[in-house]
Amino acid sequence: MNKRIILRKNEEGRLLTGHQWVFSNELKAVEGNPEAGDVVSLHRHDGKFLGIGLYHPHSLICFRLLSREEEEVSFAFFERRLSRALELRRRLYPTSETFRLVHGEGDFLPGLIIDKYNEFLSIQTLSFGMDRRLTLICDALESLLHPKAIVERNESPLRTLEQLPLKKGVLRGTPDQTIISEHGVKFKIDLLTGQKTGIFLDQRENRKAVRRYVKGAMVLDCFCNEGGFSLNAIEGGAETVEGYDSSETAVAKAGVNATINHMDKVSFGVADIFDLLKAYSSGDKRYDVVILDPPSFARSKKTIATALKGYKEINGNALKIIKSGGFLVTASCSHHVSEEAFFQTIETAARSTGRTIQLLDSAGAGPDHPVVPAMPETRYLKFGIFAVH
C-alpha cells in the first residue's frame, strides 16, 4: 500500500492495547498524498506495520483503524463485518427484528451506526471514510437483509468535525412507519422524523428494569421523549405516570404510543424540565418514582463542569419531590462525564437536599451497543436506580 502514515516514536501504545484512533499530533509523516476518506496503512516510527484504516488530513482523529491485517476494504470486507455483527444480534435478541446492528467502534466499524427496525434500516456515517463508502455499505446490507428501505439520519453535529454536511433522506427503497415491540410494549417508529435514527435503543434493557420498582406508584418521567420509560412503568403496574418533554413532536408521539398500547393511566405534556422540577420542588406534590433521562449535557471536555452542575440541579430537585422509600431513576449519555463523576454528583445532590440514597441498580447501554474496554469513548451511557430515604 503506497499511502502510509507513520507515527512518532512511542505513540503506538494506546493502539496496541485496543484503541482504534490516531490523533493528528501523533503523526511523524504522511506518504503517498492520501486524501480524506482514503484507506492508508499505519506504521510505527521504525516502519513496522500496525494496521489499515480511514484517513482524514483535517480531522483531530486523523486515522480510524479498520483492520490489523493488510486487506482490501471492499464489498466482501463489509459483508463479512456486517454478517458478524448480525450474528451477534441474532444471539442477543433471537425473537426481535429491532436492534442496533452496528455500533461504530464497538463493532470495529468506526464512524458507522446502523439501527434495524423490523424490515427497515437507519444509517449514520460519522466519519469521512465511511460516508464515502455509503453506497458499498448499502449494497452489503441489501445482500444480507433485503430491507424494504434504508434511510440516512446524518444530522449529528459530529459530522461537522469531519467536514461533512448534515442531511437526512432515503437511500434505498420506500420507507414507511413501522411498529416495534420492546418487551411487550409497542412503539410506532418513523425513521425520518424520530429522534436520531428512530428511537433510543440503548435504553431498552434499562426501560424494562424500571418495571420492578413501580408497582402501584405515582411516577414522574422527565425528558420522556416518545414515552419509553413511561409506558414501561405502566406495564410494570404503576398507578399513574406523568411524562414531560420540551419537544412537542416527541410528546405527540408519546401519546400515539400510549394509544396503541391501550394505556390510559399515563399523560404527557410539554415543559422545560429544569423549570418544572424547580417549581415542583418548592411545592407540595410528591412522587414515588422520578425518572430523569436527559439529552447529553457535555458535548466536549470543556463543558464537563457545566454538565455536572446541570446534573446536580435536576437530580437535587427530583430528590426533593420523591417520597421516603421511593426511587430515583437517573441517566447520563454524556461520554465525557465518567460514571464515577456522575454518581458522585448524585450523592452530592442527595447530601445537599438532606436525603439518603442507596444505589440498587446500575447499567450502561444494551448489549447491542458493545463497549471496547480500551476505548472509554464507547462507554457513554450511565444509568442508575437509587432508593431514596
Protein backbone atom coordinates (compact mmCIF):
# COMPACT_ATOMS: atom_id res chain seq x y z
CA MET A 1 0.00 0.00 0.00
CA ASN A 2 1.57 3.26 -1.20
CA LYS A 3 -0.48 5.54 1.05
CA ARG A 4 1.02 5.34 4.52
CA ILE A 5 1.10 7.27 7.76
CA ILE A 6 3.91 6.90 10.26
CA LEU A 7 3.65 7.50 13.99
CA ARG A 8 6.05 9.42 16.15
CA LYS A 9 8.24 7.33 18.43
CA ASN A 10 6.36 5.73 21.37
CA GLU A 11 2.92 6.81 20.12
CA GLU A 12 1.67 3.28 19.33
CA GLY A 13 0.94 2.22 22.92
CA ARG A 14 -2.74 3.15 23.01
CA LEU A 15 -3.39 1.45 19.65
CA LEU A 16 -1.63 -1.73 20.75
CA THR A 17 -3.88 -2.01 23.81
CA GLY A 18 -7.02 -1.98 21.64
CA HIS A 19 -7.83 1.65 20.89
CA GLN A 20 -8.81 2.43 17.30
CA TRP A 21 -7.93 6.09 16.82
CA VAL A 22 -4.78 8.02 15.98
CA PHE A 23 -4.71 11.76 16.57
CA SER A 24 -3.07 14.22 14.21
CA ASN A 25 -0.43 15.31 16.73
CA GLU A 26 0.80 11.70 16.98
CA LEU A 27 1.94 11.55 13.35
CA LYS A 28 5.55 11.73 12.21
CA ALA A 29 4.97 11.55 8.45
CA VAL A 30 2.34 11.08 5.75
CA GLU A 31 3.37 9.38 2.50
CA GLY A 32 1.59 8.96 -0.85
CA ASN A 33 -0.62 12.07 -0.64
CA PRO A 34 -3.74 10.38 0.78
CA GLU A 35 -6.99 12.33 0.64
CA ALA A 36 -9.84 12.48 3.13
CA GLY A 37 -11.51 9.07 3.39
CA ASP A 38 -8.69 7.11 1.78
CA VAL A 39 -7.60 3.79 3.20
CA VAL A 40 -4.00 4.04 4.41
CA SER A 41 -1.61 1.75 6.22
CA LEU A 42 -0.36 2.71 9.66
CA HIS A 43 3.24 2.17 10.70
CA ARG A 44 5.33 2.56 13.81
CA HIS A 45 8.17 5.11 13.73
CA ASP A 46 10.57 2.34 12.62
CA GLY A 47 8.30 1.23 9.77
CA LYS A 48 6.63 -1.78 11.44
CA PHE A 49 3.09 -2.34 10.09
CA LEU A 50 0.28 -1.79 12.62
CA GLY A 51 -2.90 -1.90 10.52
CA ILE A 52 -5.06 -0.24 7.89
CA GLY A 53 -7.74 2.38 8.36
CA LEU A 54 -9.52 5.51 7.21
CA TYR A 55 -7.52 8.73 6.96
CA HIS A 56 -8.57 12.35 7.29
CA PRO A 57 -5.94 15.09 6.96
CA HIS A 58 -8.09 17.82 8.52
CA SER A 59 -9.64 15.99 11.50
CA LEU A 60 -8.23 15.70 15.01
CA ILE A 61 -8.92 11.96 14.68
CA CYS A 62 -6.77 11.53 11.59
CA PHE A 63 -6.91 7.71 11.46
CA ARG A 64 -9.60 5.18 12.36
CA LEU A 65 -8.47 1.57 12.45
CA LEU A 66 -10.32 -0.94 10.26
CA SER A 67 -8.07 -3.98 10.46
CA ARG A 68 -4.76 -5.11 11.92
CA GLU A 69 -4.19 -7.12 8.74
CA GLU A 70 -3.45 -5.95 5.20
CA GLU A 71 -6.73 -6.48 3.36
CA GLU A 72 -8.88 -4.79 0.75
CA VAL A 73 -11.76 -2.65 2.04
CA SER A 74 -14.29 -3.96 -0.47
CA PHE A 75 -17.86 -5.25 -0.67
CA ALA A 76 -16.61 -8.57 0.72
CA PHE A 77 -14.98 -6.75 3.67
CA PHE A 78 -18.21 -5.01 4.66
CA GLU A 79 -20.28 -8.14 4.07
CA ARG A 80 -18.03 -10.08 6.48
CA ARG A 81 -18.11 -7.39 9.18
CA LEU A 82 -21.87 -6.86 8.89
CA SER A 83 -22.51 -10.61 8.95
CA ARG A 84 -20.53 -10.91 12.18
CA ALA A 85 -22.45 -8.04 13.73
CA LEU A 86 -25.77 -9.54 12.63
CA GLU A 87 -24.88 -12.97 14.03
CA LEU A 88 -24.20 -11.40 17.43
CA ARG A 89 -27.55 -9.55 17.45
CA ARG A 90 -29.42 -12.70 16.47
CA ARG A 91 -27.94 -14.34 19.55
CA LEU A 92 -28.74 -11.33 21.78
CA TYR A 93 -32.30 -10.85 20.52
CA PRO A 94 -33.44 -14.15 18.94
CA THR A 95 -37.11 -13.16 18.86
CA SER A 96 -36.69 -9.50 17.86
CA GLU A 97 -36.21 -7.81 14.50
CA THR A 98 -35.27 -4.48 16.11
CA PHE A 99 -31.77 -3.74 17.41
CA ARG A 100 -28.64 -1.72 16.79
CA LEU A 101 -26.91 -3.72 14.08
CA VAL A 102 -23.64 -1.76 14.04
CA HIS A 103 -22.33 0.36 16.89
CA GLY A 104 -19.33 2.05 15.31
CA GLU A 105 -16.06 1.33 17.08
CA GLY A 106 -17.85 -1.21 19.27
CA ASP A 107 -18.26 -3.37 16.15
CA PHE A 108 -14.87 -2.42 14.68
CA LEU A 109 -16.51 -0.26 12.01
CA PRO A 110 -15.51 3.20 13.27
CA GLY A 111 -17.87 6.02 12.41
CA LEU A 112 -20.73 3.74 11.26
CA ILE A 113 -24.06 3.36 13.07
CA ILE A 114 -26.85 1.12 11.74
CA ASP A 115 -30.17 0.54 13.50
CA LYS A 116 -32.67 -2.08 12.37
CA TYR A 117 -36.41 -1.56 12.90
CA ASN A 118 -38.19 -4.63 11.57
CA GLU A 119 -37.65 -4.55 7.78
CA PHE A 120 -36.17 -1.02 7.75
CA LEU A 121 -32.62 0.23 8.30
CA SER A 122 -31.39 3.62 9.50
CA ILE A 123 -27.76 4.64 8.99
CA GLN A 124 -25.42 7.29 10.35
CA THR A 125 -21.96 7.78 8.84
CA LEU A 126 -19.93 9.87 11.28
CA SER A 127 -16.53 9.66 9.58
CA PHE A 128 -15.50 10.87 6.13
CA GLY A 129 -14.23 7.44 5.13
CA MET A 130 -17.50 5.69 5.98
CA ASP A 131 -19.51 8.41 4.27
CA ARG A 132 -17.51 7.86 1.06
CA ARG A 133 -18.40 4.17 1.21
CA LEU A 134 -22.10 4.57 1.91
CA THR A 135 -23.12 3.00 -1.41
CA LEU A 136 -20.87 -0.01 -0.75
CA ILE A 137 -22.33 -0.39 2.75
CA CYS A 138 -25.89 -0.25 1.41
CA ASP A 139 -25.03 -2.88 -1.20
CA ALA A 140 -23.76 -5.21 1.53
CA LEU A 141 -26.85 -4.56 3.68
CA GLU A 142 -29.19 -5.34 0.79
CA SER A 143 -27.31 -8.57 0.12
CA LEU A 144 -27.59 -9.65 3.77
CA LEU A 145 -31.00 -8.40 4.87
CA HIS A 146 -33.06 -7.38 1.81
CA PRO A 147 -34.60 -4.42 3.69
CA LYS A 148 -37.73 -2.65 2.50
CA ALA A 149 -35.88 0.66 2.86
CA ILE A 150 -32.63 2.21 4.03
CA VAL A 151 -32.58 5.81 5.25
CA GLU A 152 -29.76 8.06 6.41
CA ARG A 153 -30.07 10.19 9.54
CA ASN A 154 -26.89 12.18 9.15
CA GLU A 155 -27.85 15.15 11.30
CA SER A 156 -25.28 14.57 14.07
CA PRO A 157 -23.03 17.57 14.81
CA LEU A 158 -20.14 15.06 14.95
CA ARG A 159 -20.19 15.16 11.15
CA THR A 160 -19.07 18.78 11.16
CA LEU A 161 -15.81 17.68 12.80
CA GLU A 162 -15.21 15.61 9.65
CA GLN A 163 -16.24 18.47 7.33
CA LEU A 164 -19.38 16.56 6.31
CA PRO A 165 -22.78 18.19 5.65
CA LEU A 166 -25.81 17.47 7.84
CA LYS A 167 -28.59 15.71 5.95
CA LYS A 168 -31.27 13.05 6.05
CA GLY A 169 -33.15 11.17 3.39
CA VAL A 170 -33.97 7.90 1.66
CA LEU A 171 -31.04 5.87 0.33
CA ARG A 172 -32.85 2.75 -0.89
CA GLY A 173 -36.44 1.53 -1.14
CA THR A 174 -39.61 3.13 0.22
CA PRO A 175 -39.68 3.90 3.94
CA ASP A 176 -42.87 3.58 5.92
CA GLN A 177 -43.89 3.76 9.56
CA THR A 178 -43.48 0.53 11.47
CA ILE A 179 -44.49 -0.71 14.92
CA ILE A 180 -41.81 -2.40 17.02
CA SER A 181 -42.34 -4.44 20.17
CA GLU A 182 -40.00 -3.92 23.12
CA HIS A 183 -40.55 -6.45 25.90
CA GLY A 184 -44.26 -6.40 25.07
CA VAL A 185 -44.61 -2.61 24.74
CA LYS A 186 -45.29 -1.27 21.24
CA PHE A 187 -43.76 1.85 19.70
CA LYS A 188 -44.62 3.43 16.38
CA ILE A 189 -41.41 4.33 14.55
CA ASP A 190 -40.99 6.91 11.82
CA LEU A 191 -37.44 6.60 10.55
CA LEU A 192 -37.27 10.09 9.08
CA THR A 193 -38.81 12.08 11.93
CA GLY A 194 -37.94 10.13 15.09
CA GLN A 195 -35.11 11.00 17.46
CA LYS A 196 -31.68 10.29 15.95
CA THR A 197 -32.10 7.02 13.99
CA GLY A 198 -35.69 6.40 15.13
CA ILE A 199 -35.81 5.78 18.89
CA PHE A 200 -33.20 5.42 21.65
CA LEU A 201 -32.49 1.69 21.53
CA ASP A 202 -29.62 1.95 24.02
CA GLN A 203 -32.05 2.25 26.97
CA ARG A 204 -34.13 -0.81 26.05
CA GLU A 205 -32.87 -3.02 28.90
CA ASN A 206 -33.00 -0.13 31.38
CA ARG A 207 -36.59 0.70 30.48
CA LYS A 208 -37.54 -2.87 31.33
CA ALA A 209 -35.51 -2.74 34.58
CA VAL A 210 -37.71 0.10 35.85
CA ARG A 211 -40.75 -2.18 35.98
CA ARG A 212 -39.75 -3.87 39.26
CA TYR A 213 -39.76 -0.53 41.12
CA VAL A 214 -43.07 1.00 40.04
CA LYS A 215 -45.94 -1.28 41.07
CA GLY A 216 -48.72 0.91 42.48
CA ALA A 217 -46.52 4.01 42.19
CA MET A 218 -47.10 7.61 41.16
CA VAL A 219 -44.36 8.21 38.57
CA LEU A 220 -42.92 11.39 37.07
CA ASP A 221 -40.99 10.79 33.83
CA CYS A 222 -38.81 13.76 32.84
CA PHE A 223 -37.33 14.09 29.34
CA CYS A 224 -39.87 11.41 28.42
CA ASN A 225 -39.15 11.58 24.67
CA GLU A 226 -41.58 9.22 22.91
CA GLY A 227 -42.73 7.57 26.13
CA GLY A 228 -40.28 4.69 26.53
CA PHE A 229 -39.88 4.77 30.30
CA SER A 230 -43.44 5.96 30.88
CA LEU A 231 -45.06 3.06 29.06
CA ASN A 232 -42.73 0.54 30.69
CA ALA A 233 -43.76 1.99 34.05
CA ILE A 234 -47.42 1.38 33.22
CA GLU A 235 -46.50 -2.13 32.05
CA GLY A 236 -44.83 -2.62 35.44
CA GLY A 237 -48.01 -1.73 37.30
CA ALA A 238 -47.64 1.99 38.04
CA GLU A 239 -50.82 3.64 39.29
CA THR A 240 -50.26 6.86 37.34
CA VAL A 241 -47.48 8.24 35.13
CA GLU A 242 -46.89 11.83 34.06
CA GLY A 243 -44.39 12.30 31.24
CA TYR A 244 -42.90 15.65 30.17
CA ASP A 245 -40.56 16.72 27.40
CA SER A 246 -39.62 20.05 25.80
CA SER A 247 -40.33 18.65 22.31
CA GLU A 248 -43.93 18.95 21.14
CA THR A 249 -43.21 16.37 18.44
CA ALA A 250 -41.90 13.83 20.97
CA VAL A 251 -44.85 14.40 23.30
CA ALA A 252 -47.31 13.89 20.45
CA LYS A 253 -45.60 10.62 19.52
CA ALA A 254 -45.65 9.50 23.15
CA GLY A 255 -49.42 10.00 23.12
CA VAL A 256 -49.72 7.87 19.99
CA ASN A 257 -47.64 5.12 21.61
CA ALA A 258 -49.86 5.18 24.71
CA THR A 259 -52.92 4.81 22.47
CA ILE A 260 -51.61 1.83 20.51
CA ASN A 261 -50.77 0.12 23.82
CA HIS A 262 -54.27 0.92 25.22
CA MET A 263 -52.71 2.61 28.25
CA ASP A 264 -54.88 5.27 29.87
CA LYS A 265 -53.09 5.80 33.20
CA VAL A 266 -50.40 7.89 31.55
CA SER A 267 -50.46 11.53 30.42
CA PHE A 268 -47.91 13.60 28.53
CA GLY A 269 -47.18 17.31 28.43
CA VAL A 270 -44.71 19.83 27.03
CA ALA A 271 -42.46 21.51 29.60
CA ASP A 272 -38.97 22.82 30.27
CA ILE A 273 -37.77 20.14 32.71
CA PHE A 274 -35.44 22.44 34.65
CA ASP A 275 -38.32 24.86 35.27
CA LEU A 276 -40.77 22.05 36.02
CA LEU A 277 -38.58 20.38 38.64
CA LYS A 278 -37.72 23.71 40.23
CA ALA A 279 -41.40 24.58 40.55
CA TYR A 280 -42.38 21.12 41.84
CA SER A 281 -39.54 21.09 44.39
CA SER A 282 -40.94 24.21 46.06
CA GLY A 283 -44.49 22.85 46.10
CA ASP A 284 -46.33 20.05 47.85
CA LYS A 285 -46.60 17.44 45.10
CA ARG A 286 -44.69 14.20 45.76
CA TYR A 287 -43.99 11.10 43.69
CA ASP A 288 -42.96 7.53 44.43
CA VAL A 289 -40.62 7.40 41.43
CA VAL A 290 -38.94 10.13 39.39
CA ILE A 291 -37.20 9.25 36.11
CA LEU A 292 -34.56 11.51 34.54
CA ASP A 293 -33.25 10.63 31.06
CA PRO A 294 -31.88 13.93 29.71
CA PRO A 295 -30.01 14.55 26.47
CA SER A 296 -26.24 14.94 26.63
CA PHE A 297 -25.18 17.91 28.75
CA ALA A 298 -21.46 17.68 27.82
CA ARG A 299 -20.58 17.99 24.14
CA SER A 300 -16.86 18.34 24.91
CA LYS A 301 -14.40 18.12 27.79
CA LYS A 302 -14.65 21.89 28.17
CA THR A 303 -18.30 21.61 29.22
CA ILE A 304 -17.93 18.86 31.84
CA ALA A 305 -18.18 21.28 34.78
CA THR A 306 -21.33 22.88 33.35
CA ALA A 307 -22.81 19.44 32.70
CA LEU A 308 -22.18 18.26 36.26
CA LYS A 309 -23.82 21.44 37.56
CA GLY A 310 -26.87 20.64 35.42
CA TYR A 311 -26.99 17.04 36.65
CA LYS A 312 -26.76 18.21 40.24
CA GLU A 313 -29.63 20.66 39.76
CA ILE A 314 -32.12 18.29 38.14
CA ASN A 315 -31.26 15.35 40.40
CA GLY A 316 -31.33 17.55 43.50
CA ASN A 317 -34.77 18.93 42.65
CA ALA A 318 -36.00 15.44 41.78
CA LEU A 319 -34.84 14.12 45.16
CA LYS A 320 -36.86 16.83 46.91
CA ILE A 321 -40.13 15.52 45.46
CA ILE A 322 -39.60 11.77 45.99
CA LYS A 323 -41.41 10.21 48.94
CA SER A 324 -39.32 8.44 51.56
CA GLY A 325 -38.93 4.85 50.36
CA GLY A 326 -39.29 5.93 46.75
CA PHE A 327 -36.87 5.68 43.86
CA LEU A 328 -34.78 7.96 41.65
CA VAL A 329 -34.09 6.61 38.16
CA THR A 330 -31.41 8.69 36.50
CA ALA A 331 -29.15 8.59 33.47
CA SER A 332 -26.39 10.43 31.63
CA CYS A 333 -25.49 9.88 27.98
CA SER A 334 -22.54 12.32 28.08
CA HIS A 335 -19.47 10.18 27.35
CA HIS A 336 -17.19 12.96 28.62
CA VAL A 337 -18.75 12.53 32.09
CA SER A 338 -17.44 9.39 33.80
CA GLU A 339 -19.68 7.05 35.78
CA GLU A 340 -17.71 7.92 38.92
CA ALA A 341 -18.25 11.67 38.40
CA PHE A 342 -21.94 11.19 37.56
CA PHE A 343 -22.77 9.04 40.59
CA GLN A 344 -20.71 11.29 42.85
CA THR A 345 -22.83 14.20 41.62
CA ILE A 346 -25.99 12.30 42.59
CA GLU A 347 -24.52 11.65 46.05
CA THR A 348 -23.64 15.35 46.41
CA ALA A 349 -27.16 16.32 45.36
CA ALA A 350 -28.59 13.94 47.96
CA ARG A 351 -26.47 15.39 50.76
CA SER A 352 -27.40 18.95 49.77
CA THR A 353 -31.11 18.08 49.95
CA GLY A 354 -30.88 16.08 53.19
CA ARG A 355 -31.73 12.76 51.54
CA THR A 356 -30.06 9.39 52.00
CA ILE A 357 -29.71 7.21 48.90
CA GLN A 358 -28.77 3.64 48.06
CA LEU A 359 -27.62 2.57 44.60
CA LEU A 360 -29.67 -0.51 43.73
CA ASP A 361 -29.12 -0.94 40.03
CA SER A 362 -26.50 0.41 37.62
CA ALA A 363 -26.01 -0.28 33.94
CA GLY A 364 -24.84 1.08 30.64
CA ALA A 365 -26.26 0.72 27.16
CA GLY A 366 -27.82 -2.55 25.98
CA PRO A 367 -25.60 -5.36 24.67
CA ASP A 368 -26.28 -4.36 21.06
CA HIS A 369 -24.17 -1.28 21.89
CA PRO A 370 -20.92 -3.14 22.66
CA VAL A 371 -18.08 -1.44 24.53
CA VAL A 372 -14.41 -1.73 23.61
CA PRO A 373 -12.63 -1.86 27.00
CA ALA A 374 -9.62 0.04 25.67
CA MET A 375 -11.84 2.86 24.36
CA PRO A 376 -13.61 4.75 27.17
CA GLU A 377 -15.32 6.75 24.41
CA THR A 378 -17.52 3.71 23.69
CA ARG A 379 -18.79 3.54 27.30
CA TYR A 380 -21.03 6.60 27.15
CA LEU A 381 -24.31 5.72 28.89
CA LYS A 382 -24.57 5.75 32.70
CA PHE A 383 -27.78 4.56 34.33
CA GLY A 384 -28.66 4.16 37.99
CA ILE A 385 -31.67 3.40 40.18
CA PHE A 386 -31.45 4.74 43.75
CA ALA A 387 -33.62 4.08 46.79
CA VAL A 388 -34.40 7.41 48.46
CA HIS A 389 -34.94 7.94 52.21
